Amino acid sequence: MYARLYSARANLTALCNDVAATRDVIIIRRRGAEPVALVAADELSSLMETAHLLRSPKNAKRLLKAISRAKSRALRP
């Protein structure tokens, strides 16, 4: 979802409530400036943790292998 800065400012409480309820990200467009994102704090924390864990190629490879193993076990009867 997108919002212009003046609209976001006027409706900030409603936008925050919407983001918290739906977990959607709202991109706020600003005239002459880079857009910014409104995201739920726990979603941001989760994204940052995931990025940290995947930053190391060795760790990323291990995590992806573990996910693959877990999925293959879940498919077995």
N, C-alpha and C. Protein backbone atom coordinates (compact mmCIF):
# COMPACT_ATOMS: atom_id res chain seq x y z
N MET A 1 0.85 -1.16 0.00
CA MET A 1 0.00 0.00 0.00
C MET A 1 0.90 1.24 0.00
N TYR A 2 0.43 2.27 -0.62
CA TYR A 2 1.17 3.53 -0.71
C TYR A 2 0.34 4.66 -0.13
N ALA A 3 1.03 5.65 0.40
CA ALA A 3 0.38 6.87 0.89
C ALA A 3 1.31 8.04 0.65
N ARG A 4 0.74 9.18 0.39
CA ARG A 4 1.55 10.40 0.27
C ARG A 4 1.76 10.95 1.68
N LEU A 5 2.83 11.68 1.86
CA LEU A 5 3.20 12.16 3.19
C LEU A 5 2.09 12.98 3.84
N TYR A 6 1.49 13.90 3.11
CA TYR A 6 0.45 14.74 3.72
C TYR A 6 -0.74 13.90 4.15
N SER A 7 -1.07 12.87 3.38
CA SER A 7 -2.18 11.99 3.74
C SER A 7 -1.80 11.11 4.94
N ALA A 8 -0.57 10.61 4.94
CA ALA A 8 -0.10 9.78 6.05
C ALA A 8 -0.09 10.58 7.35
N ARG A 9 0.35 11.82 7.27
CA ARG A 9 0.39 12.68 8.46
C ARG A 9 -1.02 12.89 9.02
N ALA A 10 -1.97 13.12 8.13
CA ALA A 10 -3.35 13.37 8.57
C ALA A 10 -4.02 12.12 9.12
N ASN A 11 -3.56 10.95 8.67
CA ASN A 11 -4.21 9.69 9.06
C ASN A 11 -3.26 8.74 9.77
N LEU A 12 -2.28 9.27 10.48
CA LEU A 12 -1.23 8.43 11.05
C LEU A 12 -1.76 7.37 12.00
N THR A 13 -2.68 7.72 12.88
CA THR A 13 -3.21 6.74 13.82
C THR A 13 -3.90 5.60 13.09
N ALA A 14 -4.71 5.91 12.11
CA ALA A 14 -5.41 4.87 11.34
C ALA A 14 -4.41 4.01 10.57
N LEU A 15 -3.39 4.63 9.98
CA LEU A 15 -2.38 3.86 9.26
C LEU A 15 -1.62 2.92 10.20
N CYS A 16 -1.25 3.43 11.37
CA CYS A 16 -0.55 2.59 12.35
C CYS A 16 -1.42 1.42 12.79
N ASN A 17 -2.69 1.68 13.04
CA ASN A 17 -3.61 0.61 13.43
C ASN A 17 -3.74 -0.43 12.33
N ASP A 18 -3.80 0.03 11.08
CA ASP A 18 -3.91 -0.88 9.93
C ASP A 18 -2.66 -1.75 9.81
N VAL A 19 -1.50 -1.13 9.93
CA VAL A 19 -0.24 -1.88 9.83
C VAL A 19 -0.15 -2.91 10.95
N ALA A 20 -0.51 -2.52 12.16
CA ALA A 20 -0.46 -3.44 13.29
C ALA A 20 -1.42 -4.61 13.12
N ALA A 21 -2.59 -4.35 12.55
CA ALA A 21 -3.60 -5.40 12.40
C ALA A 21 -3.33 -6.33 11.22
N THR A 22 -2.85 -5.77 10.11
CA THR A 22 -2.72 -6.56 8.88
C THR A 22 -1.31 -7.04 8.60
N ARG A 23 -0.32 -6.45 9.26
CA ARG A 23 1.09 -6.75 9.03
C ARG A 23 1.55 -6.29 7.65
N ASP A 24 0.73 -5.50 6.97
CA ASP A 24 1.12 -4.92 5.68
C ASP A 24 2.13 -3.80 5.90
N VAL A 25 2.89 -3.51 4.88
CA VAL A 25 3.83 -2.40 4.90
C VAL A 25 3.22 -1.26 4.09
N ILE A 26 3.32 -0.06 4.60
CA ILE A 26 2.84 1.11 3.87
C ILE A 26 4.05 1.94 3.47
N ILE A 27 4.19 2.17 2.18
CA ILE A 27 5.26 3.01 1.66
C ILE A 27 4.75 4.44 1.62
N ILE A 28 5.47 5.32 2.26
CA ILE A 28 5.09 6.73 2.30
C ILE A 28 5.96 7.50 1.32
N ARG A 29 5.31 8.06 0.32
CA ARG A 29 6.01 8.82 -0.71
C ARG A 29 6.14 10.27 -0.27
N ARG A 30 7.36 10.81 -0.45
CA ARG A 30 7.62 12.19 -0.06
C ARG A 30 8.13 12.97 -1.26
N ARG A 31 7.57 14.12 -1.49
CA ARG A 31 7.96 14.94 -2.63
C ARG A 31 9.43 15.35 -2.50
N GLY A 32 10.21 15.00 -3.50
CA GLY A 32 11.61 15.39 -3.53
C GLY A 32 12.50 14.64 -2.55
N ALA A 33 12.00 13.57 -1.97
CA ALA A 33 12.78 12.80 -1.01
C ALA A 33 12.50 11.31 -1.20
N GLU A 34 13.38 10.52 -0.68
CA GLU A 34 13.25 9.07 -0.77
C GLU A 34 12.03 8.58 0.01
N PRO A 35 11.29 7.62 -0.54
CA PRO A 35 10.15 7.06 0.20
C PRO A 35 10.63 6.34 1.47
N VAL A 36 9.75 6.25 2.44
CA VAL A 36 10.03 5.52 3.68
C VAL A 36 8.91 4.50 3.89
N ALA A 37 9.15 3.55 4.78
CA ALA A 37 8.16 2.50 5.02
C ALA A 37 7.65 2.54 6.45
N LEU A 38 6.37 2.30 6.60
CA LEU A 38 5.75 2.14 7.91
C LEU A 38 5.50 0.64 8.07
N VAL A 39 6.15 0.04 9.06
CA VAL A 39 6.07 -1.40 9.26
C VAL A 39 5.93 -1.69 10.75
N ALA A 40 5.22 -2.75 11.09
CA ALA A 40 5.06 -3.13 12.50
C ALA A 40 6.43 -3.45 13.10
N ALA A 41 6.66 -3.02 14.32
CA ALA A 41 7.96 -3.17 14.96
C ALA A 41 8.41 -4.63 15.05
N ASP A 42 7.50 -5.54 15.39
CA ASP A 42 7.92 -6.94 15.48
C ASP A 42 8.23 -7.53 14.11
N GLU A 43 7.56 -7.05 13.07
CA GLU A 43 7.89 -7.48 11.71
C GLU A 43 9.28 -7.00 11.33
N LEU A 44 9.59 -5.76 11.65
CA LEU A 44 10.92 -5.22 11.37
C LEU A 44 11.99 -5.99 12.13
N SER A 45 11.73 -6.28 13.39
CA SER A 45 12.68 -7.05 14.19
C SER A 45 12.94 -8.42 13.57
N SER A 46 11.89 -9.07 13.12
CA SER A 46 12.01 -10.38 12.49
C SER A 46 12.83 -10.29 11.20
N LEU A 47 12.56 -9.28 10.39
CA LEU A 47 13.31 -9.09 9.15
C LEU A 47 14.79 -8.83 9.43
N MET A 48 15.06 -8.03 10.44
CA MET A 48 16.45 -7.72 10.78
C MET A 48 17.18 -8.96 11.29
N GLU A 49 16.50 -9.78 12.09
CA GLU A 49 17.11 -11.01 12.59
C GLU A 49 17.39 -11.97 11.45
N THR A 50 16.44 -12.10 10.53
CA THR A 50 16.64 -12.97 9.37
C THR A 50 17.82 -12.50 8.54
N ALA A 51 17.90 -11.21 8.29
CA ALA A 51 19.02 -10.66 7.52
C ALA A 51 20.34 -10.93 8.22
N HIS A 52 20.35 -10.80 9.54
CA HIS A 52 21.57 -11.06 10.30
C HIS A 52 21.99 -12.53 10.17
N LEU A 53 21.03 -13.43 10.31
CA LEU A 53 21.35 -14.86 10.23
C LEU A 53 21.80 -15.28 8.84
N LEU A 54 21.28 -14.63 7.82
CA LEU A 54 21.63 -15.00 6.44
C LEU A 54 22.83 -14.23 5.90
N ARG A 55 23.35 -13.29 6.67
CA ARG A 55 24.47 -12.46 6.21
C ARG A 55 25.70 -13.30 5.91
N SER A 56 25.98 -14.28 6.75
CA SER A 56 27.13 -15.16 6.54
C SER A 56 26.73 -16.24 5.53
N PRO A 57 27.44 -16.36 4.41
CA PRO A 57 27.09 -17.39 3.43
C PRO A 57 27.10 -18.80 4.02
N LYS A 58 28.06 -19.06 4.91
CA LYS A 58 28.14 -20.39 5.53
C LYS A 58 26.91 -20.66 6.40
N ASN A 59 26.52 -19.69 7.20
CA ASN A 59 25.35 -19.84 8.05
C ASN A 59 24.08 -19.94 7.22
N ALA A 60 23.98 -19.15 6.16
CA ALA A 60 22.80 -19.19 5.28
C ALA A 60 22.65 -20.58 4.67
N LYS A 61 23.76 -21.15 4.23
CA LYS A 61 23.72 -22.49 3.62
C LYS A 61 23.23 -23.53 4.64
N ARG A 62 23.74 -23.44 5.87
CA ARG A 62 23.32 -24.38 6.92
C ARG A 62 21.84 -24.24 7.24
N LEU A 63 21.37 -23.00 7.34
CA LEU A 63 19.96 -22.77 7.64
C LEU A 63 19.05 -23.28 6.53
N LEU A 64 19.42 -23.02 5.29
CA LEU A 64 18.60 -23.48 4.17
C LEU A 64 18.57 -25.00 4.08
N LYS A 65 19.69 -25.65 4.38
CA LYS A 65 19.71 -27.12 4.41
C LYS A 65 18.80 -27.64 5.52
N ALA A 66 18.84 -27.00 6.68
CA ALA A 66 18.00 -27.42 7.80
C ALA A 66 16.52 -27.26 7.47
N ILE A 67 16.17 -26.19 6.80
CA ILE A 67 14.78 -25.98 6.39
C ILE A 67 14.36 -27.06 5.41
N SER A 68 15.23 -27.38 4.47
CA SER A 68 14.94 -28.42 3.49
C SER A 68 14.73 -29.77 4.18
N ARG A 69 15.60 -30.10 5.14
CA ARG A 69 15.45 -31.36 5.88
C ARG A 69 14.13 -31.38 6.65
N ALA A 70 13.79 -30.29 7.29
CA ALA A 70 12.55 -30.22 8.07
C ALA A 70 11.33 -30.39 7.17
N LYS A 71 11.36 -29.77 6.00
CA LYS A 71 10.23 -29.89 5.08
C LYS A 71 10.10 -31.32 4.57
N SER A 72 11.20 -31.98 4.27
CA SER A 72 11.12 -33.35 3.74
C SER A 72 10.60 -34.31 4.81
N ARG A 73 10.93 -34.08 6.05
CA ARG A 73 10.41 -34.92 7.14
C ARG A 73 8.93 -34.68 7.36
N ALA A 74 8.49 -33.46 7.19
CA ALA A 74 7.08 -33.14 7.39
C ALA A 74 6.21 -33.79 6.33
N LEU A 75 6.77 -34.05 5.16
CA LEU A 75 5.99 -34.64 4.08
C LEU A 75 5.84 -36.15 4.23
N ARG A 76 6.68 -36.76 5.02
CA ARG A 76 6.59 -38.22 5.21
C ARG A 76 5.43 -38.57 6.12
N PRO A 77 4.73 -39.67 5.81
CA PRO A 77 3.59 -40.08 6.66
C PRO A 77 4.02 -40.58 8.02
